[in-house]
Amino acid sequence: MTEHADRPWGSYVVLAEGEDFKVKTIEVRPSHRLSYQKHSRRAEHWFVVAGEGVVTIDGADAPVRRGDSLDLPVGAAHRMHNTGSVPLIFVEVQQGDYLGEDDIVRLDDDYGRFPLAGAAGDQPASS
């Protein structure tokens, strides 16, 4: 069974998963962005398949477009922002000893989802 979830910024679909990996497609709507976040138990690899945008990794911004790939080590703060006029779509490969949606510490969020890091005891938040 395929897992699909809608989010304020767009949606994702889980394509495959195993004990220590998960593969998703993530679609970010134009002018939207993911929360600025980090994970304590997983690394991620992103491969952009459509659209264009700006990725932020540990405070540094870089443009991305179709064909670009990014490695996000465990603990790296990251965010994807769709700056184009069409959906930005990327494939995300997660690897780690825990891949739950609650392994997220939000540092900033455009949609008011809480808690943010430093609030309410730094508890992880759902995506």
C-alpha atoms as a PDB file:
ATOM      1  CA  MET A   1       0.000   0.000   0.000  1.00  0.00           C
ATOM      2  CA  THR A   2       1.341   3.421  -0.981  1.00  0.00           C
ATOM      3  CA  GLU A   3       1.409   6.141   1.663  1.00  0.00           C
ATOM      4  CA  HIS A   4       0.374   9.624   0.491  1.00  0.00           C
ATOM      5  CA  ALA A   5       0.211  12.747   2.658  1.00  0.00           C
ATOM      6  CA  ASP A   6      -0.869  16.294   1.901  1.00  0.00           C
ATOM      7  CA  ARG A   7       0.986  19.122   3.616  1.00  0.00           C
ATOM      8  CA  PRO A   8       0.536  22.922   3.529  1.00  0.00           C
ATOM      9  CA  TRP A   9       3.504  23.168   1.119  1.00  0.00           C
ATOM     10  CA  GLY A  10       2.447  20.304  -1.208  1.00  0.00           C
ATOM     11  CA  SER A  11       2.518  16.517  -0.775  1.00  0.00           C
ATOM     12  CA  TYR A  12       4.622  13.379  -0.655  1.00  0.00           C
ATOM     13  CA  VAL A  13       4.242   9.742  -1.663  1.00  0.00           C
ATOM     14  CA  VAL A  14       6.251   6.882  -0.144  1.00  0.00           C
ATOM     15  CA  LEU A  15       7.474   4.695  -3.011  1.00  0.00           C
ATOM     16  CA  ALA A  16       9.424   2.062  -1.069  1.00  0.00           C
ATOM     17  CA  GLU A  17      10.663   1.374   2.413  1.00  0.00           C
ATOM     18  CA  GLY A  18      12.681  -1.158   4.353  1.00  0.00           C
ATOM     19  CA  GLU A  19      14.110  -1.513   7.820  1.00  0.00           C
ATOM     20  CA  ASP A  20      16.706   1.244   7.380  1.00  0.00           C
ATOM     21  CA  PHE A  21      15.608   3.146   4.251  1.00  0.00           C
ATOM     22  CA  LYS A  22      12.606   4.987   2.782  1.00  0.00           C
ATOM     23  CA  VAL A  23      12.109   6.469  -0.700  1.00  0.00           C
ATOM     24  CA  LYS A  24       9.609   9.294  -1.347  1.00  0.00           C
ATOM     25  CA  THR A  25       8.636  11.675  -4.087  1.00  0.00           C
ATOM     26  CA  ILE A  26       8.045  15.148  -2.689  1.00  0.00           C
ATOM     27  CA  GLU A  27       6.121  17.834  -4.566  1.00  0.00           C
ATOM     28  CA  VAL A  28       6.437  21.461  -3.447  1.00  0.00           C
ATOM     29  CA  ARG A  29       3.866  23.932  -4.787  1.00  0.00           C
ATOM     30  CA  PRO A  30       5.082  27.164  -6.439  1.00  0.00           C
ATOM     31  CA  SER A  31       6.109  29.856  -3.902  1.00  0.00           C
ATOM     32  CA  HIS A  32       5.986  27.364  -1.018  1.00  0.00           C
ATOM     33  CA  ARG A  33       8.760  25.848   1.055  1.00  0.00           C
ATOM     34  CA  LEU A  34       9.337  23.072   3.546  1.00  0.00           C
ATOM     35  CA  SER A  35      10.050  23.888   7.161  1.00  0.00           C
ATOM     36  CA  TYR A  36      13.687  24.558   8.021  1.00  0.00           C
ATOM     37  CA  GLN A  37      14.418  21.368   9.927  1.00  0.00           C
ATOM     38  CA  LYS A  38      16.905  18.716  10.936  1.00  0.00           C
ATOM     39  CA  HIS A  39      16.798  15.029  11.792  1.00  0.00           C
ATOM     40  CA  SER A  40      18.698  13.275  14.557  1.00  0.00           C
ATOM     41  CA  ARG A  41      18.472   9.693  13.248  1.00  0.00           C
ATOM     42  CA  ARG A  42      18.507   9.830   9.450  1.00  0.00           C
ATOM     43  CA  ALA A  43      20.448  11.199   6.505  1.00  0.00           C
ATOM     44  CA  GLU A  44      18.717  12.148   3.255  1.00  0.00           C
ATOM     45  CA  HIS A  45      19.662  12.328  -0.411  1.00  0.00           C
ATOM     46  CA  TRP A  46      17.555  14.530  -2.704  1.00  0.00           C
ATOM     47  CA  PHE A  47      17.433  14.305  -6.513  1.00  0.00           C
ATOM     48  CA  VAL A  48      15.461  17.059  -8.276  1.00  0.00           C
ATOM     49  CA  VAL A  49      13.364  15.671 -11.150  1.00  0.00           C
ATOM     50  CA  ALA A  50      11.210  18.719 -12.045  1.00  0.00           C
ATOM     51  CA  GLY A  51      11.072  22.445 -11.387  1.00  0.00           C
ATOM     52  CA  GLU A  52      13.530  24.829  -9.784  1.00  0.00           C
ATOM     53  CA  GLY A  53      14.106  26.384  -6.432  1.00  0.00           C
ATOM     54  CA  VAL A  54      16.532  27.200  -3.651  1.00  0.00           C
ATOM     55  CA  VAL A  55      17.831  24.748  -1.084  1.00  0.00           C
ATOM     56  CA  THR A  56      19.137  25.908   2.297  1.00  0.00           C
ATOM     57  CA  ILE A  57      21.621  23.638   4.070  1.00  0.00           C
ATOM     58  CA  ASP A  58      23.057  24.799   7.400  1.00  0.00           C
ATOM     59  CA  GLY A  59      22.288  28.428   6.549  1.00  0.00           C
ATOM     60  CA  ALA A  60      23.769  28.429   3.029  1.00  0.00           C
ATOM     61  CA  ASP A  61      21.403  28.934   0.049  1.00  0.00           C
ATOM     62  CA  ALA A  62      22.009  27.385  -3.372  1.00  0.00           C
ATOM     63  CA  PRO A  63      19.869  27.258  -6.521  1.00  0.00           C
ATOM     64  CA  VAL A  64      18.568  23.848  -7.621  1.00  0.00           C
ATOM     65  CA  ARG A  65      16.929  22.586 -10.790  1.00  0.00           C
ATOM     66  CA  ARG A  66      16.138  19.353 -12.582  1.00  0.00           C
ATOM     67  CA  GLY A  67      19.097  16.973 -12.441  1.00  0.00           C
ATOM     68  CA  ASP A  68      20.662  18.376  -9.272  1.00  0.00           C
ATOM     69  CA  SER A  69      21.330  16.129  -6.287  1.00  0.00           C
ATOM     70  CA  LEU A  70      22.049  16.940  -2.656  1.00  0.00           C
ATOM     71  CA  ASP A  71      23.334  14.970   0.317  1.00  0.00           C
ATOM     72  CA  LEU A  72      21.963  15.944   3.730  1.00  0.00           C
ATOM     73  CA  PRO A  73      23.898  14.322   6.587  1.00  0.00           C
ATOM     74  CA  VAL A  74      22.328  13.489   9.934  1.00  0.00           C
ATOM     75  CA  GLY A  75      21.849  16.723  11.891  1.00  0.00           C
ATOM     76  CA  ALA A  76      22.135  19.106   8.923  1.00  0.00           C
ATOM     77  CA  ALA A  77      19.518  21.876   8.958  1.00  0.00           C
ATOM     78  CA  HIS A  78      17.765  21.965   5.591  1.00  0.00           C
ATOM     79  CA  ARG A  79      14.855  23.363   3.593  1.00  0.00           C
ATOM     80  CA  MET A  80      13.632  23.307  -0.025  1.00  0.00           C
ATOM     81  CA  HIS A  81      11.906  26.393  -1.485  1.00  0.00           C
ATOM     82  CA  ASN A  82      10.071  26.324  -4.818  1.00  0.00           C
ATOM     83  CA  THR A  83      10.891  29.627  -6.511  1.00  0.00           C
ATOM     84  CA  GLY A  84       9.450  28.616  -9.887  1.00  0.00           C
ATOM     85  CA  SER A  85       5.992  28.710 -11.444  1.00  0.00           C
ATOM     86  CA  VAL A  86       5.480  24.923 -11.650  1.00  0.00           C
ATOM     87  CA  PRO A  87       5.690  22.235  -8.958  1.00  0.00           C
ATOM     88  CA  LEU A  88       9.197  21.375  -7.769  1.00  0.00           C
ATOM     89  CA  ILE A  89       9.465  17.592  -7.489  1.00  0.00           C
ATOM     90  CA  PHE A  90      12.331  15.661  -5.943  1.00  0.00           C
ATOM     91  CA  VAL A  91      13.037  12.090  -4.925  1.00  0.00           C
ATOM     92  CA  GLU A  92      14.119  11.726  -1.315  1.00  0.00           C
ATOM     93  CA  VAL A  93      16.065   8.696  -0.121  1.00  0.00           C
ATOM     94  CA  GLN A  94      16.232   8.434   3.661  1.00  0.00           C
ATOM     95  CA  GLN A  95      18.689   6.167   5.454  1.00  0.00           C
ATOM     96  CA  GLY A  96      19.022   5.659   9.191  1.00  0.00           C
ATOM     97  CA  ASP A  97      18.083   3.574  12.194  1.00  0.00           C
ATOM     98  CA  TYR A  98      14.711   5.364  12.605  1.00  0.00           C
ATOM     99  CA  LEU A  99      12.658   6.886   9.777  1.00  0.00           C
ATOM    100  CA  GLY A 100       9.484   8.054  11.522  1.00  0.00           C
ATOM    101  CA  GLU A 101       7.849  11.350  10.556  1.00  0.00           C
ATOM    102  CA  ASP A 102       8.381  12.490  14.171  1.00  0.00           C
ATOM    103  CA  ASP A 103      12.189  12.639  13.743  1.00  0.00           C
ATOM    104  CA  ILE A 104      11.950  16.340  12.893  1.00  0.00           C
ATOM    105  CA  VAL A 105      13.187  19.330  14.848  1.00  0.00           C
ATOM    106  CA  ARG A 106      11.755  22.454  13.238  1.00  0.00           C
ATOM    107  CA  LEU A 107      13.923  25.548  13.276  1.00  0.00           C
ATOM    108  CA  ASP A 108      11.495  27.701  11.254  1.00  0.00           C
ATOM    109  CA  ASP A 109       8.078  27.054   9.710  1.00  0.00           C
ATOM    110  CA  ASP A 110       5.899  29.223   7.438  1.00  0.00           C
ATOM    111  CA  TYR A 111       2.701  27.421   8.447  1.00  0.00           C
ATOM    112  CA  GLY A 112       2.745  27.758  12.240  1.00  0.00           C
ATOM    113  CA  ARG A 113       3.428  24.073  12.927  1.00  0.00           C
ATOM    114  CA  PHE A 114       4.954  23.587  16.333  1.00  0.00           C
ATOM    115  CA  PRO A 115       6.899  23.014  18.369  1.00  0.00           C
ATOM    116  CA  LEU A 116       9.899  24.792  16.942  1.00  0.00           C
ATOM    117  CA  ALA A 117      13.332  24.019  18.361  1.00  0.00           C
ATOM    118  CA  GLY A 118      13.697  25.788  21.688  1.00  0.00           C
ATOM    119  CA  ALA A 119       9.938  25.726  22.294  1.00  0.00           C
ATOM    120  CA  ALA A 120       8.107  23.229  24.481  1.00  0.00           C
ATOM    121  CA  GLY A 121      11.254  21.308  25.392  1.00  0.00           C
ATOM    122  CA  ASP A 122      12.544  20.744  21.815  1.00  0.00           C
ATOM    123  CA  GLN A 123      10.129  17.918  21.163  1.00  0.00           C
ATOM    124  CA  PRO A 124      10.060  16.515  17.595  1.00  0.00           C
ATOM    125  CA  ALA A 125       7.089  17.602  15.440  1.00  0.00           C
ATOM    126  CA  SER A 126       5.179  15.863  12.656  1.00  0.00           C
ATOM    127  CA  SER A 127       5.897  17.039   9.107  1.00  0.00           C
END
